[in-house]
């Protein structure tokens, strides 16, 4: 359950960071 929760947590935080630093 925590692994699933953490997956949602990570995928909510990373989108802006990824597209601004990796250009994808």
PDBML (XML) file of the C-alpha atoms, coordinates in Angstrom:
<?xml version="1.0" encoding="UTF-8" ?>
<PDBx:datablock datablockName="MODEL"
   xmlns:PDBx="http://pdbml.pdb.org/schema/pdbx-v50.xsd"
   xmlns:xsi="http://www.w3.org/2001/XMLSchema-instance"
   xsi:schemaLocation="http://pdbml.pdb.org/schema/pdbx-v50.xsd pdbx-v50.xsd">
   <PDBx:atom_siteCategory>
      <PDBx:atom_site id="1">
         <PDBx:B_iso_or_equiv>0.00</PDBx:B_iso_or_equiv>
         <PDBx:Cartn_x>0.000</PDBx:Cartn_x>
         <PDBx:Cartn_y>0.000</PDBx:Cartn_y>
         <PDBx:Cartn_z>0.000</PDBx:Cartn_z>
         <PDBx:auth_asym_id>A</PDBx:auth_asym_id>
         <PDBx:auth_atom_id>CA</PDBx:auth_atom_id>
         <PDBx:auth_comp_id>UNK</PDBx:auth_comp_id>
         <PDBx:auth_seq_id>1</PDBx:auth_seq_id>
         <PDBx:group_PDB>ATOM</PDBx:group_PDB>
         <PDBx:label_alt_id xsi:nil="true" />
         <PDBx:label_asym_id>A</PDBx:label_asym_id>
         <PDBx:label_atom_id>CA</PDBx:label_atom_id>
         <PDBx:label_comp_id>UNK</PDBx:label_comp_id>
         <PDBx:label_entity_id>1</PDBx:label_entity_id>
         <PDBx:label_seq_id>1</PDBx:label_seq_id>
         <PDBx:occupancy>1.00</PDBx:occupancy>
         <PDBx:pdbx_PDB_model_num>1</PDBx:pdbx_PDB_model_num>
         <PDBx:type_symbol>C</PDBx:type_symbol>
      </PDBx:atom_site>
      <PDBx:atom_site id="2">
         <PDBx:B_iso_or_equiv>0.00</PDBx:B_iso_or_equiv>
         <PDBx:Cartn_x>2.867</PDBx:Cartn_x>
         <PDBx:Cartn_y>2.363</PDBx:Cartn_y>
         <PDBx:Cartn_z>0.842</PDBx:Cartn_z>
         <PDBx:auth_asym_id>A</PDBx:auth_asym_id>
         <PDBx:auth_atom_id>CA</PDBx:auth_atom_id>
         <PDBx:auth_comp_id>UNK</PDBx:auth_comp_id>
         <PDBx:auth_seq_id>2</PDBx:auth_seq_id>
         <PDBx:group_PDB>ATOM</PDBx:group_PDB>
         <PDBx:label_alt_id xsi:nil="true" />
         <PDBx:label_asym_id>A</PDBx:label_asym_id>
         <PDBx:label_atom_id>CA</PDBx:label_atom_id>
         <PDBx:label_comp_id>UNK</PDBx:label_comp_id>
         <PDBx:label_entity_id>1</PDBx:label_entity_id>
         <PDBx:label_seq_id>2</PDBx:label_seq_id>
         <PDBx:occupancy>1.00</PDBx:occupancy>
         <PDBx:pdbx_PDB_model_num>1</PDBx:pdbx_PDB_model_num>
         <PDBx:type_symbol>C</PDBx:type_symbol>
      </PDBx:atom_site>
      <PDBx:atom_site id="3">
         <PDBx:B_iso_or_equiv>0.00</PDBx:B_iso_or_equiv>
         <PDBx:Cartn_x>4.633</PDBx:Cartn_x>
         <PDBx:Cartn_y>1.507</PDBx:Cartn_y>
         <PDBx:Cartn_z>-2.433</PDBx:Cartn_z>
         <PDBx:auth_asym_id>A</PDBx:auth_asym_id>
         <PDBx:auth_atom_id>CA</PDBx:auth_atom_id>
         <PDBx:auth_comp_id>UNK</PDBx:auth_comp_id>
         <PDBx:auth_seq_id>3</PDBx:auth_seq_id>
         <PDBx:group_PDB>ATOM</PDBx:group_PDB>
         <PDBx:label_alt_id xsi:nil="true" />
         <PDBx:label_asym_id>A</PDBx:label_asym_id>
         <PDBx:label_atom_id>CA</PDBx:label_atom_id>
         <PDBx:label_comp_id>UNK</PDBx:label_comp_id>
         <PDBx:label_entity_id>1</PDBx:label_entity_id>
         <PDBx:label_seq_id>3</PDBx:label_seq_id>
         <PDBx:occupancy>1.00</PDBx:occupancy>
         <PDBx:pdbx_PDB_model_num>1</PDBx:pdbx_PDB_model_num>
         <PDBx:type_symbol>C</PDBx:type_symbol>
      </PDBx:atom_site>
      <PDBx:atom_site id="4">
         <PDBx:B_iso_or_equiv>0.00</PDBx:B_iso_or_equiv>
         <PDBx:Cartn_x>1.469</PDBx:Cartn_x>
         <PDBx:Cartn_y>2.437</PDBx:Cartn_y>
         <PDBx:Cartn_z>-4.329</PDBx:Cartn_z>
         <PDBx:auth_asym_id>A</PDBx:auth_asym_id>
         <PDBx:auth_atom_id>CA</PDBx:auth_atom_id>
         <PDBx:auth_comp_id>UNK</PDBx:auth_comp_id>
         <PDBx:auth_seq_id>4</PDBx:auth_seq_id>
         <PDBx:group_PDB>ATOM</PDBx:group_PDB>
         <PDBx:label_alt_id xsi:nil="true" />
         <PDBx:label_asym_id>A</PDBx:label_asym_id>
         <PDBx:label_atom_id>CA</PDBx:label_atom_id>
         <PDBx:label_comp_id>UNK</PDBx:label_comp_id>
         <PDBx:label_entity_id>1</PDBx:label_entity_id>
         <PDBx:label_seq_id>4</PDBx:label_seq_id>
         <PDBx:occupancy>1.00</PDBx:occupancy>
         <PDBx:pdbx_PDB_model_num>1</PDBx:pdbx_PDB_model_num>
         <PDBx:type_symbol>C</PDBx:type_symbol>
      </PDBx:atom_site>
      <PDBx:atom_site id="5">
         <PDBx:B_iso_or_equiv>0.00</PDBx:B_iso_or_equiv>
         <PDBx:Cartn_x>1.064</PDBx:Cartn_x>
         <PDBx:Cartn_y>5.615</PDBx:Cartn_y>
         <PDBx:Cartn_z>-2.285</PDBx:Cartn_z>
         <PDBx:auth_asym_id>A</PDBx:auth_asym_id>
         <PDBx:auth_atom_id>CA</PDBx:auth_atom_id>
         <PDBx:auth_comp_id>UNK</PDBx:auth_comp_id>
         <PDBx:auth_seq_id>5</PDBx:auth_seq_id>
         <PDBx:group_PDB>ATOM</PDBx:group_PDB>
         <PDBx:label_alt_id xsi:nil="true" />
         <PDBx:label_asym_id>A</PDBx:label_asym_id>
         <PDBx:label_atom_id>CA</PDBx:label_atom_id>
         <PDBx:label_comp_id>UNK</PDBx:label_comp_id>
         <PDBx:label_entity_id>1</PDBx:label_entity_id>
         <PDBx:label_seq_id>5</PDBx:label_seq_id>
         <PDBx:occupancy>1.00</PDBx:occupancy>
         <PDBx:pdbx_PDB_model_num>1</PDBx:pdbx_PDB_model_num>
         <PDBx:type_symbol>C</PDBx:type_symbol>
      </PDBx:atom_site>
      <PDBx:atom_site id="6">
         <PDBx:B_iso_or_equiv>0.00</PDBx:B_iso_or_equiv>
         <PDBx:Cartn_x>4.687</PDBx:Cartn_x>
         <PDBx:Cartn_y>6.570</PDBx:Cartn_y>
         <PDBx:Cartn_z>-2.908</PDBx:Cartn_z>
         <PDBx:auth_asym_id>A</PDBx:auth_asym_id>
         <PDBx:auth_atom_id>CA</PDBx:auth_atom_id>
         <PDBx:auth_comp_id>UNK</PDBx:auth_comp_id>
         <PDBx:auth_seq_id>6</PDBx:auth_seq_id>
         <PDBx:group_PDB>ATOM</PDBx:group_PDB>
         <PDBx:label_alt_id xsi:nil="true" />
         <PDBx:label_asym_id>A</PDBx:label_asym_id>
         <PDBx:label_atom_id>CA</PDBx:label_atom_id>
         <PDBx:label_comp_id>UNK</PDBx:label_comp_id>
         <PDBx:label_entity_id>1</PDBx:label_entity_id>
         <PDBx:label_seq_id>6</PDBx:label_seq_id>
         <PDBx:occupancy>1.00</PDBx:occupancy>
         <PDBx:pdbx_PDB_model_num>1</PDBx:pdbx_PDB_model_num>
         <PDBx:type_symbol>C</PDBx:type_symbol>
      </PDBx:atom_site>
      <PDBx:atom_site id="7">
         <PDBx:B_iso_or_equiv>0.00</PDBx:B_iso_or_equiv>
         <PDBx:Cartn_x>4.238</PDBx:Cartn_x>
         <PDBx:Cartn_y>6.031</PDBx:Cartn_y>
         <PDBx:Cartn_z>-6.642</PDBx:Cartn_z>
         <PDBx:auth_asym_id>A</PDBx:auth_asym_id>
         <PDBx:auth_atom_id>CA</PDBx:auth_atom_id>
         <PDBx:auth_comp_id>UNK</PDBx:auth_comp_id>
         <PDBx:auth_seq_id>7</PDBx:auth_seq_id>
         <PDBx:group_PDB>ATOM</PDBx:group_PDB>
         <PDBx:label_alt_id xsi:nil="true" />
         <PDBx:label_asym_id>A</PDBx:label_asym_id>
         <PDBx:label_atom_id>CA</PDBx:label_atom_id>
         <PDBx:label_comp_id>UNK</PDBx:label_comp_id>
         <PDBx:label_entity_id>1</PDBx:label_entity_id>
         <PDBx:label_seq_id>7</PDBx:label_seq_id>
         <PDBx:occupancy>1.00</PDBx:occupancy>
         <PDBx:pdbx_PDB_model_num>1</PDBx:pdbx_PDB_model_num>
         <PDBx:type_symbol>C</PDBx:type_symbol>
      </PDBx:atom_site>
      <PDBx:atom_site id="8">
         <PDBx:B_iso_or_equiv>0.00</PDBx:B_iso_or_equiv>
         <PDBx:Cartn_x>1.406</PDBx:Cartn_x>
         <PDBx:Cartn_y>8.552</PDBx:Cartn_y>
         <PDBx:Cartn_z>-6.713</PDBx:Cartn_z>
         <PDBx:auth_asym_id>A</PDBx:auth_asym_id>
         <PDBx:auth_atom_id>CA</PDBx:auth_atom_id>
         <PDBx:auth_comp_id>UNK</PDBx:auth_comp_id>
         <PDBx:auth_seq_id>8</PDBx:auth_seq_id>
         <PDBx:group_PDB>ATOM</PDBx:group_PDB>
         <PDBx:label_alt_id xsi:nil="true" />
         <PDBx:label_asym_id>A</PDBx:label_asym_id>
         <PDBx:label_atom_id>CA</PDBx:label_atom_id>
         <PDBx:label_comp_id>UNK</PDBx:label_comp_id>
         <PDBx:label_entity_id>1</PDBx:label_entity_id>
         <PDBx:label_seq_id>8</PDBx:label_seq_id>
         <PDBx:occupancy>1.00</PDBx:occupancy>
         <PDBx:pdbx_PDB_model_num>1</PDBx:pdbx_PDB_model_num>
         <PDBx:type_symbol>C</PDBx:type_symbol>
      </PDBx:atom_site>
      <PDBx:atom_site id="9">
         <PDBx:B_iso_or_equiv>0.00</PDBx:B_iso_or_equiv>
         <PDBx:Cartn_x>3.455</PDBx:Cartn_x>
         <PDBx:Cartn_y>10.933</PDBx:Cartn_y>
         <PDBx:Cartn_z>-4.555</PDBx:Cartn_z>
         <PDBx:auth_asym_id>A</PDBx:auth_asym_id>
         <PDBx:auth_atom_id>CA</PDBx:auth_atom_id>
         <PDBx:auth_comp_id>UNK</PDBx:auth_comp_id>
         <PDBx:auth_seq_id>9</PDBx:auth_seq_id>
         <PDBx:group_PDB>ATOM</PDBx:group_PDB>
         <PDBx:label_alt_id xsi:nil="true" />
         <PDBx:label_asym_id>A</PDBx:label_asym_id>
         <PDBx:label_atom_id>CA</PDBx:label_atom_id>
         <PDBx:label_comp_id>UNK</PDBx:label_comp_id>
         <PDBx:label_entity_id>1</PDBx:label_entity_id>
         <PDBx:label_seq_id>9</PDBx:label_seq_id>
         <PDBx:occupancy>1.00</PDBx:occupancy>
         <PDBx:pdbx_PDB_model_num>1</PDBx:pdbx_PDB_model_num>
         <PDBx:type_symbol>C</PDBx:type_symbol>
      </PDBx:atom_site>
      <PDBx:atom_site id="10">
         <PDBx:B_iso_or_equiv>0.00</PDBx:B_iso_or_equiv>
         <PDBx:Cartn_x>6.483</PDBx:Cartn_x>
         <PDBx:Cartn_y>10.800</PDBx:Cartn_y>
         <PDBx:Cartn_z>-6.858</PDBx:Cartn_z>
         <PDBx:auth_asym_id>A</PDBx:auth_asym_id>
         <PDBx:auth_atom_id>CA</PDBx:auth_atom_id>
         <PDBx:auth_comp_id>UNK</PDBx:auth_comp_id>
         <PDBx:auth_seq_id>10</PDBx:auth_seq_id>
         <PDBx:group_PDB>ATOM</PDBx:group_PDB>
         <PDBx:label_alt_id xsi:nil="true" />
         <PDBx:label_asym_id>A</PDBx:label_asym_id>
         <PDBx:label_atom_id>CA</PDBx:label_atom_id>
         <PDBx:label_comp_id>UNK</PDBx:label_comp_id>
         <PDBx:label_entity_id>1</PDBx:label_entity_id>
         <PDBx:label_seq_id>10</PDBx:label_seq_id>
         <PDBx:occupancy>1.00</PDBx:occupancy>
         <PDBx:pdbx_PDB_model_num>1</PDBx:pdbx_PDB_model_num>
         <PDBx:type_symbol>C</PDBx:type_symbol>
      </PDBx:atom_site>
      <PDBx:atom_site id="11">
         <PDBx:B_iso_or_equiv>0.00</PDBx:B_iso_or_equiv>
         <PDBx:Cartn_x>4.478</PDBx:Cartn_x>
         <PDBx:Cartn_y>11.079</PDBx:Cartn_y>
         <PDBx:Cartn_z>-10.079</PDBx:Cartn_z>
         <PDBx:auth_asym_id>A</PDBx:auth_asym_id>
         <PDBx:auth_atom_id>CA</PDBx:auth_atom_id>
         <PDBx:auth_comp_id>UNK</PDBx:auth_comp_id>
         <PDBx:auth_seq_id>11</PDBx:auth_seq_id>
         <PDBx:group_PDB>ATOM</PDBx:group_PDB>
         <PDBx:label_alt_id xsi:nil="true" />
         <PDBx:label_asym_id>A</PDBx:label_asym_id>
         <PDBx:label_atom_id>CA</PDBx:label_atom_id>
         <PDBx:label_comp_id>UNK</PDBx:label_comp_id>
         <PDBx:label_entity_id>1</PDBx:label_entity_id>
         <PDBx:label_seq_id>11</PDBx:label_seq_id>
         <PDBx:occupancy>1.00</PDBx:occupancy>
         <PDBx:pdbx_PDB_model_num>1</PDBx:pdbx_PDB_model_num>
         <PDBx:type_symbol>C</PDBx:type_symbol>
      </PDBx:atom_site>
      <PDBx:atom_site id="12">
         <PDBx:B_iso_or_equiv>0.00</PDBx:B_iso_or_equiv>
         <PDBx:Cartn_x>2.722</PDBx:Cartn_x>
         <PDBx:Cartn_y>14.170</PDBx:Cartn_y>
         <PDBx:Cartn_z>-8.750</PDBx:Cartn_z>
         <PDBx:auth_asym_id>A</PDBx:auth_asym_id>
         <PDBx:auth_atom_id>CA</PDBx:auth_atom_id>
         <PDBx:auth_comp_id>UNK</PDBx:auth_comp_id>
         <PDBx:auth_seq_id>12</PDBx:auth_seq_id>
         <PDBx:group_PDB>ATOM</PDBx:group_PDB>
         <PDBx:label_alt_id xsi:nil="true" />
         <PDBx:label_asym_id>A</PDBx:label_asym_id>
         <PDBx:label_atom_id>CA</PDBx:label_atom_id>
         <PDBx:label_comp_id>UNK</PDBx:label_comp_id>
         <PDBx:label_entity_id>1</PDBx:label_entity_id>
         <PDBx:label_seq_id>12</PDBx:label_seq_id>
         <PDBx:occupancy>1.00</PDBx:occupancy>
         <PDBx:pdbx_PDB_model_num>1</PDBx:pdbx_PDB_model_num>
         <PDBx:type_symbol>C</PDBx:type_symbol>
      </PDBx:atom_site>
      <PDBx:atom_site id="13">
         <PDBx:B_iso_or_equiv>0.00</PDBx:B_iso_or_equiv>
         <PDBx:Cartn_x>5.936</PDBx:Cartn_x>
         <PDBx:Cartn_y>15.990</PDBx:Cartn_y>
         <PDBx:Cartn_z>-7.840</PDBx:Cartn_z>
         <PDBx:auth_asym_id>A</PDBx:auth_asym_id>
         <PDBx:auth_atom_id>CA</PDBx:auth_atom_id>
         <PDBx:auth_comp_id>UNK</PDBx:auth_comp_id>
         <PDBx:auth_seq_id>13</PDBx:auth_seq_id>
         <PDBx:group_PDB>ATOM</PDBx:group_PDB>
         <PDBx:label_alt_id xsi:nil="true" />
         <PDBx:label_asym_id>A</PDBx:label_asym_id>
         <PDBx:label_atom_id>CA</PDBx:label_atom_id>
         <PDBx:label_comp_id>UNK</PDBx:label_comp_id>
         <PDBx:label_entity_id>1</PDBx:label_entity_id>
         <PDBx:label_seq_id>13</PDBx:label_seq_id>
         <PDBx:occupancy>1.00</PDBx:occupancy>
         <PDBx:pdbx_PDB_model_num>1</PDBx:pdbx_PDB_model_num>
         <PDBx:type_symbol>C</PDBx:type_symbol>
      </PDBx:atom_site>
      <PDBx:atom_site id="14">
         <PDBx:B_iso_or_equiv>0.00</PDBx:B_iso_or_equiv>
         <PDBx:Cartn_x>8.229</PDBx:Cartn_x>
         <PDBx:Cartn_y>15.192</PDBx:Cartn_y>
         <PDBx:Cartn_z>-10.762</PDBx:Cartn_z>
         <PDBx:auth_asym_id>A</PDBx:auth_asym_id>
         <PDBx:auth_atom_id>CA</PDBx:auth_atom_id>
         <PDBx:auth_comp_id>UNK</PDBx:auth_comp_id>
         <PDBx:auth_seq_id>14</PDBx:auth_seq_id>
         <PDBx:group_PDB>ATOM</PDBx:group_PDB>
         <PDBx:label_alt_id xsi:nil="true" />
         <PDBx:label_asym_id>A</PDBx:label_asym_id>
         <PDBx:label_atom_id>CA</PDBx:label_atom_id>
         <PDBx:label_comp_id>UNK</PDBx:label_comp_id>
         <PDBx:label_entity_id>1</PDBx:label_entity_id>
         <PDBx:label_seq_id>14</PDBx:label_seq_id>
         <PDBx:occupancy>1.00</PDBx:occupancy>
         <PDBx:pdbx_PDB_model_num>1</PDBx:pdbx_PDB_model_num>
         <PDBx:type_symbol>C</PDBx:type_symbol>
      </PDBx:atom_site>
      <PDBx:atom_site id="15">
         <PDBx:B_iso_or_equiv>0.00</PDBx:B_iso_or_equiv>
         <PDBx:Cartn_x>6.508</PDBx:Cartn_x>
         <PDBx:Cartn_y>16.380</PDBx:Cartn_y>
         <PDBx:Cartn_z>-13.984</PDBx:Cartn_z>
         <PDBx:auth_asym_id>A</PDBx:auth_asym_id>
         <PDBx:auth_atom_id>CA</PDBx:auth_atom_id>
         <PDBx:auth_comp_id>UNK</PDBx:auth_comp_id>
         <PDBx:auth_seq_id>15</PDBx:auth_seq_id>
         <PDBx:group_PDB>ATOM</PDBx:group_PDB>
         <PDBx:label_alt_id xsi:nil="true" />
         <PDBx:label_asym_id>A</PDBx:label_asym_id>
         <PDBx:label_atom_id>CA</PDBx:label_atom_id>
         <PDBx:label_comp_id>UNK</PDBx:label_comp_id>
         <PDBx:label_entity_id>1</PDBx:label_entity_id>
         <PDBx:label_seq_id>15</PDBx:label_seq_id>
         <PDBx:occupancy>1.00</PDBx:occupancy>
         <PDBx:pdbx_PDB_model_num>1</PDBx:pdbx_PDB_model_num>
         <PDBx:type_symbol>C</PDBx:type_symbol>
      </PDBx:atom_site>
      <PDBx:atom_site id="16">
         <PDBx:B_iso_or_equiv>0.00</PDBx:B_iso_or_equiv>
         <PDBx:Cartn_x>7.592</PDBx:Cartn_x>
         <PDBx:Cartn_y>20.041</PDBx:Cartn_y>
         <PDBx:Cartn_z>-13.823</PDBx:Cartn_z>
         <PDBx:auth_asym_id>A</PDBx:auth_asym_id>
         <PDBx:auth_atom_id>CA</PDBx:auth_atom_id>
         <PDBx:auth_comp_id>UNK</PDBx:auth_comp_id>
         <PDBx:auth_seq_id>16</PDBx:auth_seq_id>
         <PDBx:group_PDB>ATOM</PDBx:group_PDB>
         <PDBx:label_alt_id xsi:nil="true" />
         <PDBx:label_asym_id>A</PDBx:label_asym_id>
         <PDBx:label_atom_id>CA</PDBx:label_atom_id>
         <PDBx:label_comp_id>UNK</PDBx:label_comp_id>
         <PDBx:label_entity_id>1</PDBx:label_entity_id>
         <PDBx:label_seq_id>16</PDBx:label_seq_id>
         <PDBx:occupancy>1.00</PDBx:occupancy>
         <PDBx:pdbx_PDB_model_num>1</PDBx:pdbx_PDB_model_num>
         <PDBx:type_symbol>C</PDBx:type_symbol>
      </PDBx:atom_site>
      <PDBx:atom_site id="17">
         <PDBx:B_iso_or_equiv>0.00</PDBx:B_iso_or_equiv>
         <PDBx:Cartn_x>11.074</PDBx:Cartn_x>
         <PDBx:Cartn_y>19.154</PDBx:Cartn_y>
         <PDBx:Cartn_z>-12.595</PDBx:Cartn_z>
         <PDBx:auth_asym_id>A</PDBx:auth_asym_id>
         <PDBx:auth_atom_id>CA</PDBx:auth_atom_id>
         <PDBx:auth_comp_id>UNK</PDBx:auth_comp_id>
         <PDBx:auth_seq_id>17</PDBx:auth_seq_id>
         <PDBx:group_PDB>ATOM</PDBx:group_PDB>
         <PDBx:label_alt_id xsi:nil="true" />
         <PDBx:label_asym_id>A</PDBx:label_asym_id>
         <PDBx:label_atom_id>CA</PDBx:label_atom_id>
         <PDBx:label_comp_id>UNK</PDBx:label_comp_id>
         <PDBx:label_entity_id>1</PDBx:label_entity_id>
         <PDBx:label_seq_id>17</PDBx:label_seq_id>
         <PDBx:occupancy>1.00</PDBx:occupancy>
         <PDBx:pdbx_PDB_model_num>1</PDBx:pdbx_PDB_model_num>
         <PDBx:type_symbol>C</PDBx:type_symbol>
      </PDBx:atom_site>
      <PDBx:atom_site id="18">
         <PDBx:B_iso_or_equiv>0.00</PDBx:B_iso_or_equiv>
         <PDBx:Cartn_x>11.569</PDBx:Cartn_x>
         <PDBx:Cartn_y>16.678</PDBx:Cartn_y>
         <PDBx:Cartn_z>-15.437</PDBx:Cartn_z>
         <PDBx:auth_asym_id>A</PDBx:auth_asym_id>
         <PDBx:auth_atom_id>CA</PDBx:auth_atom_id>
         <PDBx:auth_comp_id>UNK</PDBx:auth_comp_id>
         <PDBx:auth_seq_id>18</PDBx:auth_seq_id>
         <PDBx:group_PDB>ATOM</PDBx:group_PDB>
         <PDBx:label_alt_id xsi:nil="true" />
         <PDBx:label_asym_id>A</PDBx:label_asym_id>
         <PDBx:label_atom_id>CA</PDBx:label_atom_id>
         <PDBx:label_comp_id>UNK</PDBx:label_comp_id>
         <PDBx:label_entity_id>1</PDBx:label_entity_id>
         <PDBx:label_seq_id>18</PDBx:label_seq_id>
         <PDBx:occupancy>1.00</PDBx:occupancy>
         <PDBx:pdbx_PDB_model_num>1</PDBx:pdbx_PDB_model_num>
         <PDBx:type_symbol>C</PDBx:type_symbol>
      </PDBx:atom_site>
      <PDBx:atom_site id="19">
         <PDBx:B_iso_or_equiv>0.00</PDBx:B_iso_or_equiv>
         <PDBx:Cartn_x>10.386</PDBx:Cartn_x>
         <PDBx:Cartn_y>18.838</PDBx:Cartn_y>
         <PDBx:Cartn_z>-18.324</PDBx:Cartn_z>
         <PDBx:auth_asym_id>A</PDBx:auth_asym_id>
         <PDBx:auth_atom_id>CA</PDBx:auth_atom_id>
         <PDBx:auth_comp_id>UNK</PDBx:auth_comp_id>
         <PDBx:auth_seq_id>19</PDBx:auth_seq_id>
         <PDBx:group_PDB>ATOM</PDBx:group_PDB>
         <PDBx:label_alt_id xsi:nil="true" />
         <PDBx:label_asym_id>A</PDBx:label_asym_id>
         <PDBx:label_atom_id>CA</PDBx:label_atom_id>
         <PDBx:label_comp_id>UNK</PDBx:label_comp_id>
         <PDBx:label_entity_id>1</PDBx:label_entity_id>
         <PDBx:label_seq_id>19</PDBx:label_seq_id>
         <PDBx:occupancy>1.00</PDBx:occupancy>
         <PDBx:pdbx_PDB_model_num>1</PDBx:pdbx_PDB_model_num>
         <PDBx:type_symbol>C</PDBx:type_symbol>
      </PDBx:atom_site>
      <PDBx:atom_site id="20">
         <PDBx:B_iso_or_equiv>0.00</PDBx:B_iso_or_equiv>
         <PDBx:Cartn_x>12.352</PDBx:Cartn_x>
         <PDBx:Cartn_y>21.870</PDBx:Cartn_y>
         <PDBx:Cartn_z>-17.134</PDBx:Cartn_z>
         <PDBx:auth_asym_id>A</PDBx:auth_asym_id>
         <PDBx:auth_atom_id>CA</PDBx:auth_atom_id>
         <PDBx:auth_comp_id>UNK</PDBx:auth_comp_id>
         <PDBx:auth_seq_id>20</PDBx:auth_seq_id>
         <PDBx:group_PDB>ATOM</PDBx:group_PDB>
         <PDBx:label_alt_id xsi:nil="true" />
         <PDBx:label_asym_id>A</PDBx:label_asym_id>
         <PDBx:label_atom_id>CA</PDBx:label_atom_id>
         <PDBx:label_comp_id>UNK</PDBx:label_comp_id>
         <PDBx:label_entity_id>1</PDBx:label_entity_id>
         <PDBx:label_seq_id>20</PDBx:label_seq_id>
         <PDBx:occupancy>1.00</PDBx:occupancy>
         <PDBx:pdbx_PDB_model_num>1</PDBx:pdbx_PDB_model_num>
         <PDBx:type_symbol>C</PDBx:type_symbol>
      </PDBx:atom_site>
      <PDBx:atom_site id="21">
         <PDBx:B_iso_or_equiv>0.00</PDBx:B_iso_or_equiv>
         <PDBx:Cartn_x>15.613</PDBx:Cartn_x>
         <PDBx:Cartn_y>19.970</PDBx:Cartn_y>
         <PDBx:Cartn_z>-16.662</PDBx:Cartn_z>
         <PDBx:auth_asym_id>A</PDBx:auth_asym_id>
         <PDBx:auth_atom_id>CA</PDBx:auth_atom_id>
         <PDBx:auth_comp_id>UNK</PDBx:auth_comp_id>
         <PDBx:auth_seq_id>21</PDBx:auth_seq_id>
         <PDBx:group_PDB>ATOM</PDBx:group_PDB>
         <PDBx:label_alt_id xsi:nil="true" />
         <PDBx:label_asym_id>A</PDBx:label_asym_id>
         <PDBx:label_atom_id>CA</PDBx:label_atom_id>
         <PDBx:label_comp_id>UNK</PDBx:label_comp_id>
         <PDBx:label_entity_id>1</PDBx:label_entity_id>
         <PDBx:label_seq_id>21</PDBx:label_seq_id>
         <PDBx:occupancy>1.00</PDBx:occupancy>
         <PDBx:pdbx_PDB_model_num>1</PDBx:pdbx_PDB_model_num>
         <PDBx:type_symbol>C</PDBx:type_symbol>
      </PDBx:atom_site>
      <PDBx:atom_site id="22">
         <PDBx:B_iso_or_equiv>0.00</PDBx:B_iso_or_equiv>
         <PDBx:Cartn_x>15.537</PDBx:Cartn_x>
         <PDBx:Cartn_y>17.117</PDBx:Cartn_y>
         <PDBx:Cartn_z>-19.184</PDBx:Cartn_z>
         <PDBx:auth_asym_id>A</PDBx:auth_asym_id>
         <PDBx:auth_atom_id>CA</PDBx:auth_atom_id>
         <PDBx:auth_comp_id>UNK</PDBx:auth_comp_id>
         <PDBx:auth_seq_id>22</PDBx:auth_seq_id>
         <PDBx:group_PDB>ATOM</PDBx:group_PDB>
         <PDBx:label_alt_id xsi:nil="true" />
         <PDBx:label_asym_id>A</PDBx:label_asym_id>
         <PDBx:label_atom_id>CA</PDBx:label_atom_id>
         <PDBx:label_comp_id>UNK</PDBx:label_comp_id>
         <PDBx:label_entity_id>1</PDBx:label_entity_id>
         <PDBx:label_seq_id>22</PDBx:label_seq_id>
         <PDBx:occupancy>1.00</PDBx:occupancy>
         <PDBx:pdbx_PDB_model_num>1</PDBx:pdbx_PDB_model_num>
         <PDBx:type_symbol>C</PDBx:type_symbol>
      </PDBx:atom_site>
      <PDBx:atom_site id="23">
         <PDBx:B_iso_or_equiv>0.00</PDBx:B_iso_or_equiv>
         <PDBx:Cartn_x>13.531</PDBx:Cartn_x>
         <PDBx:Cartn_y>18.711</PDBx:Cartn_y>
         <PDBx:Cartn_z>-22.024</PDBx:Cartn_z>
         <PDBx:auth_asym_id>A</PDBx:auth_asym_id>
         <PDBx:auth_atom_id>CA</PDBx:auth_atom_id>
         <PDBx:auth_comp_id>UNK</PDBx:auth_comp_id>
         <PDBx:auth_seq_id>23</PDBx:auth_seq_id>
         <PDBx:group_PDB>ATOM</PDBx:group_PDB>
         <PDBx:label_alt_id xsi:nil="true" />
         <PDBx:label_asym_id>A</PDBx:label_asym_id>
         <PDBx:label_atom_id>CA</PDBx:label_atom_id>
         <PDBx:label_comp_id>UNK</PDBx:label_comp_id>
         <PDBx:label_entity_id>1</PDBx:label_entity_id>
         <PDBx:label_seq_id>23</PDBx:label_seq_id>
         <PDBx:occupancy>1.00</PDBx:occupancy>
         <PDBx:pdbx_PDB_model_num>1</PDBx:pdbx_PDB_model_num>
         <PDBx:type_symbol>C</PDBx:type_symbol>
      </PDBx:atom_site>
      <PDBx:atom_site id="24">
         <PDBx:B_iso_or_equiv>0.00</PDBx:B_iso_or_equiv>
         <PDBx:Cartn_x>11.155</PDBx:Cartn_x>
         <PDBx:Cartn_y>15.759</PDBx:Cartn_y>
         <PDBx:Cartn_z>-22.159</PDBx:Cartn_z>
         <PDBx:auth_asym_id>A</PDBx:auth_asym_id>
         <PDBx:auth_atom_id>CA</PDBx:auth_atom_id>
         <PDBx:auth_comp_id>UNK</PDBx:auth_comp_id>
         <PDBx:auth_seq_id>24</PDBx:auth_seq_id>
         <PDBx:group_PDB>ATOM</PDBx:group_PDB>
         <PDBx:label_alt_id xsi:nil="true" />
         <PDBx:label_asym_id>A</PDBx:label_asym_id>
         <PDBx:label_atom_id>CA</PDBx:label_atom_id>
         <PDBx:label_comp_id>UNK</PDBx:label_comp_id>
         <PDBx:label_entity_id>1</PDBx:label_entity_id>
         <PDBx:label_seq_id>24</PDBx:label_seq_id>
         <PDBx:occupancy>1.00</PDBx:occupancy>
         <PDBx:pdbx_PDB_model_num>1</PDBx:pdbx_PDB_model_num>
         <PDBx:type_symbol>C</PDBx:type_symbol>
      </PDBx:atom_site>
   </PDBx:atom_siteCategory>
</PDBx:datablock>
